[in-house]
Amino acid sequence: MAQLVKMLDYVSRYEHDLSRYTTQFIRLKRSQWERMKRQWDNGVDLASWQIAADEESPAKMPENGSPSQEEVGKKRFSSLSRFLPFRKEEQIVAYEDGTPEETDDLNFTPNIIQDPRSVQQLRKLYMDQLFHFQLKWASSTLTERSRIDSKFMRDKVLHDFLESLPDSYLLFYYPVLKIKKAPVELEVILMTPVECICMTILEAEEGSVLVGSGERFWTKKLGEQESKLLNPTIGLNRMGKIVSSLFVSAEVDFPIRKILLSRESYIDFPGVAHDIQIIDRRDYPKWLEKGKKMSTPMKSNQFKASQILLDLCQTTAASRLFETEEEHQETGQE
């Protein structure tokens, strides 16, 4: 699971200690999965995971006065909660090697009512939970938090990247850099152990064809309909130049590759430059699968390159020191 290091101008754990939190995330992910699977193997009822308790309004009682399925689910969740990771009241997680790790009050709770019939289904539930937890780590710290746009909860590209790419990939998702006192909005940057991938994502209707050219505008075709879109290579090349200049200034030798990607569309651009790779709906699943199989551990140059961007990232956040209880509950529901 790729690690979401920075998203927009949201505050992030990784800003404070990149090496610590990348390592901590991998250990948390592994240890809590083993813990949850062990409980499942031992027959613990995992049939009614859902967002629990005080944050929700009381369930309605049916006319016969019997408890509703929602209430039954809540009771089951309450009994299960001691096995789930990151309970709100826990302050220390002890790993199998005896090393303690700090946690905080970010509540990692399941939000899917489902009976896992296989270890594959259990794994999918767990990964979905981790996706939401990653969004919290990428938008809050112990003392600050940024108000996350709910659209990211439904962002298919973000979900695919975090779930499918390996732990050693560090993801910058539309970060805002402050360069010479001016905000500079970038697109998607993947720091792999061996290279920096600058990426432009093209989201369009399923089956549409994006016809590229060297002109300022491209053509999008969907059936008999045609429309124009700004040439995406303009922003991609700009991002590549910015990142490259930052690496040169910091004297970090780290390769940069540029990718033009569309999950649902076909890209027809025979004149594409040699330094841009095109990945469309024909190649997207294979590209994700290839990334998933990558086993190269994180490298020092990868950390150096990532830190260069983090040091320039703009952050907008509010203090959590004076949050009300209601605001804490809102954070848990996001």
Protein backbone atom coordinates (compact mmCIF):
# COMPACT_ATOMS: atom_id res chain seq x y z
CA MET A 1 0.00 0.00 0.00
CA ALA A 2 1.58 3.27 -1.16
CA GLN A 3 1.99 5.93 1.50
CA LEU A 4 0.14 9.24 1.13
CA VAL A 5 2.87 11.68 2.15
CA LYS A 6 1.23 14.95 1.10
CA MET A 7 -2.15 15.95 -0.31
CA LEU A 8 -2.93 19.49 -1.50
CA ASP A 9 -1.93 21.92 1.27
CA TYR A 10 -3.18 19.67 4.09
CA VAL A 11 -1.02 19.15 7.15
CA SER A 12 0.69 15.75 7.16
CA ARG A 13 2.45 13.50 9.68
CA TYR A 14 5.26 12.97 7.22
CA GLU A 15 6.18 16.65 7.21
CA HIS A 16 7.54 16.32 10.74
CA ASP A 17 9.59 13.14 10.39
CA LEU A 18 9.50 11.40 7.02
CA SER A 19 11.67 8.40 7.87
CA ARG A 20 9.93 7.76 11.17
CA TYR A 21 6.39 7.79 9.83
CA THR A 22 7.11 5.76 6.71
CA THR A 23 8.60 3.05 8.91
CA GLN A 24 5.83 3.34 11.48
CA PHE A 25 3.11 3.00 8.85
CA ILE A 26 4.60 -0.19 7.44
CA ARG A 27 4.88 -1.70 10.92
CA LEU A 28 1.37 -0.66 11.91
CA LYS A 29 -0.07 -2.04 8.72
CA ARG A 30 1.67 -5.38 9.11
CA SER A 31 1.14 -5.87 12.85
CA GLN A 32 -2.53 -4.88 12.87
CA TRP A 33 -3.31 -7.06 9.88
CA GLU A 34 -1.68 -10.04 11.58
CA ARG A 35 -3.61 -9.23 14.75
CA MET A 36 -6.93 -8.98 12.94
CA LYS A 37 -6.36 -12.12 10.88
CA ARG A 38 -5.41 -14.03 14.01
CA GLN A 39 -8.74 -13.06 15.61
CA TRP A 40 -10.59 -14.07 12.45
CA ASP A 41 -8.77 -17.43 12.37
CA ASN A 42 -9.81 -17.95 15.99
CA GLY A 43 -13.48 -17.50 15.13
CA VAL A 44 -14.15 -13.96 16.34
CA ASP A 45 -17.40 -12.70 14.78
CA LEU A 46 -16.47 -9.99 12.28
CA ALA A 47 -19.88 -9.86 10.62
CA SER A 48 -21.02 -6.37 11.60
CA TRP A 49 -18.21 -3.87 11.28
CA GLN A 50 -19.53 -0.35 11.04
CA ILE A 51 -18.87 3.15 12.27
CA ALA A 52 -19.93 2.90 15.84
CA ALA A 53 -21.44 4.52 18.72
CA ASP A 54 -21.75 8.02 19.99
CA GLU A 55 -21.17 9.77 16.67
CA GLU A 56 -24.31 8.25 15.18
CA SER A 57 -27.93 9.11 16.00
CA PRO A 58 -29.89 6.51 17.99
CA ALA A 59 -31.29 3.65 15.92
CA LYS A 60 -35.00 3.39 15.38
CA MET A 61 -36.86 0.56 17.10
CA PRO A 62 -39.22 -1.54 14.99
CA GLU A 63 -42.88 -1.71 15.92
CA ASN A 64 -42.52 -5.07 17.68
CA GLY A 65 -40.00 -3.55 20.09
CA SER A 66 -37.17 -5.87 19.10
CA PRO A 67 -33.69 -4.44 18.60
CA SER A 68 -32.90 -3.33 15.07
CA GLN A 69 -30.11 -4.91 13.04
CA GLU A 70 -28.17 -1.66 13.46
CA GLU A 71 -28.30 -1.94 17.26
CA VAL A 72 -27.28 -5.57 17.13
CA GLY A 73 -24.39 -4.57 14.88
CA LYS A 74 -23.30 -1.91 17.33
CA LYS A 75 -23.25 -4.40 20.18
CA ARG A 76 -21.17 -6.78 18.10
CA PHE A 77 -18.82 -3.97 17.16
CA SER A 78 -18.43 -2.99 20.80
CA SER A 79 -17.36 -6.50 21.72
CA LEU A 80 -15.03 -6.63 18.74
CA SER A 81 -13.46 -3.21 19.26
CA ARG A 82 -10.82 -4.50 21.62
CA PHE A 83 -9.33 -6.41 18.66
CA LEU A 84 -9.39 -3.50 16.23
CA PRO A 85 -6.36 -1.27 15.70
CA PHE A 86 -6.03 2.31 16.88
CA ARG A 87 -8.76 2.40 19.48
CA LYS A 88 -9.25 5.94 20.68
CA GLU A 89 -8.28 5.22 24.24
CA GLU A 90 -5.04 3.43 23.32
CA GLN A 91 -1.87 5.50 23.50
CA ILE A 92 0.73 2.81 22.86
CA VAL A 93 0.85 -0.04 20.38
CA ALA A 94 3.26 -2.79 21.29
CA TYR A 95 4.72 -4.80 18.42
CA GLU A 96 5.72 -8.42 18.49
CA ASP A 97 9.36 -7.44 18.90
CA GLY A 98 8.42 -5.48 22.01
CA THR A 99 9.02 -2.04 20.49
CA PRO A 100 6.34 0.49 21.48
CA GLU A 101 4.99 3.02 19.01
CA GLU A 102 3.01 6.14 19.77
CA THR A 103 -0.50 6.48 18.47
CA ASP A 104 -3.00 9.29 18.92
CA ASP A 105 -6.71 9.84 19.08
CA LEU A 106 -7.35 9.29 15.39
CA ASN A 107 -9.92 6.55 15.45
CA PHE A 108 -9.37 3.76 12.92
CA THR A 109 -12.83 2.15 12.76
CA PRO A 110 -14.49 -0.02 10.11
CA ASN A 111 -17.33 1.39 8.07
CA ILE A 112 -18.56 -1.62 6.09
CA ILE A 113 -21.22 -4.08 7.26
CA GLN A 114 -20.13 -7.36 5.75
CA ASP A 115 -19.44 -10.94 6.76
CA PRO A 116 -15.98 -11.86 5.43
CA ARG A 117 -16.26 -15.39 4.05
CA SER A 118 -12.62 -15.70 3.06
CA VAL A 119 -9.24 -14.27 3.95
CA GLN A 120 -9.36 -12.36 0.65
CA GLN A 121 -12.58 -10.59 1.70
CA LEU A 122 -11.10 -9.91 5.12
CA ARG A 123 -8.03 -8.41 3.48
CA LYS A 124 -10.20 -6.19 1.28
CA LEU A 125 -12.09 -4.89 4.32
CA TYR A 126 -8.84 -4.16 6.07
CA MET A 127 -7.37 -2.34 3.09
CA ASP A 128 -10.50 -0.19 2.78
CA GLN A 129 -10.09 0.78 6.43
CA LEU A 130 -6.44 1.63 5.87
CA PHE A 131 -7.38 3.87 2.96
CA HIS A 132 -9.54 6.04 5.22
CA PHE A 133 -6.90 6.00 7.94
CA GLN A 134 -4.29 7.16 5.43
CA LEU A 135 -6.47 10.15 4.58
CA LYS A 136 -6.49 11.06 8.27
CA TRP A 137 -2.72 10.80 8.52
CA ALA A 138 -2.43 13.00 5.43
CA SER A 139 -4.69 15.71 6.86
CA SER A 140 -3.90 15.88 10.58
CA THR A 141 -1.29 15.66 13.30
CA LEU A 142 -1.58 15.50 17.08
CA THR A 143 -1.95 19.27 17.26
CA GLU A 144 -3.33 20.35 13.87
CA ARG A 145 -5.74 19.24 11.23
CA SER A 146 -6.91 20.34 7.82
CA ARG A 147 -10.50 20.04 6.68
CA ILE A 148 -10.39 17.34 4.04
CA ASP A 149 -12.63 17.54 0.99
CA SER A 150 -15.03 14.57 1.05
CA LYS A 151 -14.42 13.94 -2.66
CA PHE A 152 -11.13 12.27 -1.78
CA MET A 153 -13.05 9.52 0.04
CA ARG A 154 -14.50 8.57 -3.38
CA ASP A 155 -11.40 9.27 -5.46
CA LYS A 156 -10.90 6.10 -7.49
CA VAL A 157 -7.40 6.96 -8.69
CA LEU A 158 -6.23 7.78 -5.17
CA HIS A 159 -7.79 4.58 -3.85
CA ASP A 160 -6.19 2.48 -6.60
CA PHE A 161 -2.75 3.97 -6.01
CA LEU A 162 -2.82 3.57 -2.25
CA GLU A 163 -4.24 0.07 -2.32
CA SER A 164 -2.30 -1.40 -5.24
CA LEU A 165 1.15 0.16 -5.19
CA PRO A 166 3.77 -1.05 -2.69
CA ASP A 167 4.61 0.42 0.72
CA SER A 168 7.88 1.77 -0.65
CA TYR A 169 6.06 4.24 -2.96
CA LEU A 170 5.59 7.72 -1.49
CA LEU A 171 2.68 9.65 -3.00
CA PHE A 172 2.31 13.42 -3.34
CA TYR A 173 -1.26 14.07 -4.48
CA TYR A 174 -1.67 17.54 -6.00
CA PRO A 175 0.73 19.19 -3.53
CA VAL A 176 1.04 22.97 -3.31
CA LEU A 177 4.64 24.15 -3.19
CA LYS A 178 5.73 27.60 -2.11
CA ILE A 179 8.48 28.75 -4.44
CA LYS A 180 9.80 32.31 -4.20
CA LYS A 181 6.86 33.17 -1.94
CA ALA A 182 4.34 32.12 -4.61
CA PRO A 183 2.12 29.00 -4.39
CA VAL A 184 2.75 26.50 -7.18
CA GLU A 185 0.15 23.76 -7.67
CA LEU A 186 1.56 20.48 -8.94
CA GLU A 187 -0.24 17.32 -9.95
CA VAL A 188 0.60 13.74 -8.94
CA ILE A 189 4.13 12.75 -7.94
CA LEU A 190 5.16 9.22 -7.06
CA MET A 191 8.52 8.80 -5.36
CA THR A 192 9.55 5.20 -5.96
CA PRO A 193 12.80 3.78 -4.59
CA VAL A 194 14.46 4.25 -7.99
CA GLU A 195 12.82 7.28 -9.65
CA CYS A 196 10.44 10.22 -9.35
CA ILE A 197 7.32 9.83 -11.48
CA CYS A 198 5.56 13.07 -12.43
CA MET A 199 2.05 12.24 -13.54
CA THR A 200 -0.93 13.96 -15.13
CA ILE A 201 -4.26 12.20 -14.61
CA LEU A 202 -6.93 12.55 -17.30
CA GLU A 203 -10.38 11.65 -16.03
CA ALA A 204 -13.01 11.37 -18.78
CA GLU A 205 -16.04 9.25 -19.67
CA GLU A 206 -15.51 5.52 -19.99
CA GLY A 207 -14.61 4.54 -23.53
CA SER A 208 -13.91 8.09 -24.70
CA VAL A 209 -10.94 8.77 -26.96
CA LEU A 210 -8.51 11.60 -26.23
CA VAL A 211 -6.82 12.65 -29.46
CA GLY A 212 -3.50 14.35 -28.80
CA SER A 213 -1.48 16.84 -30.80
CA GLY A 214 1.21 19.45 -30.35
CA GLU A 215 -1.40 22.20 -30.36
CA ARG A 216 -2.75 24.00 -27.33
CA PHE A 217 -5.93 21.90 -27.26
CA TRP A 218 -6.70 18.22 -27.62
CA THR A 219 -9.96 16.67 -28.83
CA LYS A 220 -12.13 14.37 -26.75
CA LYS A 221 -14.40 12.04 -28.74
CA LEU A 222 -17.32 10.16 -27.25
CA GLY A 223 -19.53 8.58 -29.87
CA GLU A 224 -20.56 11.35 -32.25
CA GLN A 225 -19.74 14.09 -29.75
CA GLU A 226 -16.50 16.07 -29.73
CA SER A 227 -15.14 18.59 -27.25
CA LYS A 228 -11.87 20.33 -26.50
CA LEU A 229 -9.52 19.99 -23.53
CA LEU A 230 -6.30 21.78 -22.73
CA ASN A 231 -3.22 19.91 -23.89
CA PRO A 232 -2.24 17.97 -20.72
CA THR A 233 1.43 17.73 -21.69
CA ILE A 234 1.79 21.48 -21.01
CA GLY A 235 1.20 21.04 -17.27
CA LEU A 236 3.11 17.75 -17.19
CA ASN A 237 6.23 19.25 -18.76
CA ARG A 238 5.98 22.27 -16.45
CA MET A 239 5.83 19.99 -13.40
CA GLY A 240 8.79 17.95 -14.65
CA LYS A 241 10.88 21.09 -15.08
CA ILE A 242 10.01 22.40 -11.61
CA VAL A 243 10.87 19.13 -9.89
CA SER A 244 14.05 18.72 -11.93
CA SER A 245 15.25 22.23 -11.05
CA LEU A 246 14.61 21.58 -7.35
CA PHE A 247 16.66 18.38 -7.48
CA VAL A 248 19.51 20.15 -9.30
CA SER A 249 19.54 23.00 -6.78
CA ALA A 250 19.72 20.52 -3.91
CA GLU A 251 22.37 18.46 -5.74
CA VAL A 252 20.23 15.31 -5.61
CA ASP A 253 20.68 12.95 -8.53
CA PHE A 254 17.32 11.22 -8.90
CA PRO A 255 15.79 10.19 -12.26
CA ILE A 256 12.48 11.77 -13.32
CA ARG A 257 9.92 10.06 -15.53
CA LYS A 258 6.72 11.62 -16.87
CA ILE A 259 3.46 9.71 -17.30
CA LEU A 260 0.18 10.72 -18.92
CA LEU A 261 -2.50 8.44 -17.44
CA SER A 262 -6.20 7.80 -18.02
CA ARG A 263 -8.07 4.95 -16.33
CA GLU A 264 -11.22 4.99 -18.46
CA SER A 265 -10.21 6.62 -21.75
CA TYR A 266 -8.10 5.71 -24.75
CA ILE A 267 -5.28 8.12 -25.58
CA ASP A 268 -4.43 8.51 -29.26
CA PHE A 269 -1.25 10.56 -29.49
CA PRO A 270 1.22 9.18 -32.06
CA GLY A 271 3.41 12.27 -31.77
CA VAL A 272 4.07 11.93 -28.05
CA ALA A 273 7.53 13.02 -26.91
CA HIS A 274 10.02 10.30 -26.12
CA ASP A 275 10.23 11.31 -22.44
CA ILE A 276 6.48 10.90 -21.80
CA GLN A 277 4.90 7.50 -21.20
CA ILE A 278 1.22 7.05 -22.01
CA ILE A 279 -0.92 4.74 -19.88
CA ASP A 280 -4.59 4.48 -20.84
CA ARG A 281 -7.39 2.00 -20.10
CA ARG A 282 -5.58 -0.67 -22.12
CA ASP A 283 -2.45 -0.46 -19.96
CA TYR A 284 -3.69 0.77 -16.58
CA PRO A 285 -4.42 -2.62 -14.90
CA LYS A 286 -1.09 -4.04 -16.09
CA TRP A 287 0.77 -0.96 -14.85
CA LEU A 288 -0.79 -1.27 -11.38
CA GLU A 289 -0.03 -4.99 -11.27
CA LYS A 290 3.59 -4.39 -12.23
CA GLY A 291 3.95 -1.78 -9.50
CA LYS A 292 2.36 -4.10 -6.94
CA LYS A 293 5.06 -6.71 -7.58
CA MET A 294 7.93 -4.30 -7.01
CA SER A 295 9.87 -5.38 -3.93
CA THR A 296 12.68 -2.81 -3.88
CA PRO A 297 13.01 -1.28 -0.38
CA MET A 298 13.04 2.47 0.21
CA LYS A 299 16.31 4.19 -0.64
CA SER A 300 18.18 7.17 0.80
CA ASN A 301 17.95 9.16 -2.45
CA GLN A 302 14.21 8.58 -2.45
CA PHE A 303 13.99 10.12 1.03
CA LYS A 304 16.22 13.04 0.01
CA ALA A 305 14.10 13.76 -3.07
CA SER A 306 10.87 13.53 -1.08
CA GLN A 307 12.21 15.80 1.65
CA ILE A 308 13.08 18.47 -0.92
CA LEU A 309 9.40 18.66 -1.89
CA LEU A 310 8.13 18.42 1.69
CA ASP A 311 10.33 21.31 2.78
CA LEU A 312 8.66 23.51 0.15
CA CYS A 313 5.09 22.28 0.60
CA GLN A 314 2.53 24.82 1.73
CA THR A 315 0.37 23.82 4.67
CA THR A 316 -2.99 25.19 5.77
CA ALA A 317 -4.30 23.81 9.06
CA ALA A 318 -6.16 24.72 12.22
CA SER A 319 -5.08 23.98 15.76
CA ARG A 320 -6.72 20.97 17.43
CA LEU A 321 -5.89 22.19 20.93
CA PHE A 322 -9.20 24.00 21.32
CA GLU A 323 -11.45 21.62 19.43
CA THR A 324 -14.80 20.83 21.01
CA GLU A 325 -16.01 17.29 21.52
CA GLU A 326 -18.34 17.78 18.60
CA GLU A 327 -15.39 18.58 16.33
CA HIS A 328 -13.59 15.44 17.51
CA GLN A 329 -16.63 13.41 16.57
CA GLU A 330 -16.73 15.07 13.17
CA THR A 331 -13.10 14.13 12.63
CA GLY A 332 -13.88 10.51 13.39
CA GLN A 333 -16.64 10.47 10.76
CA GLU A 334 -14.58 11.97 7.97
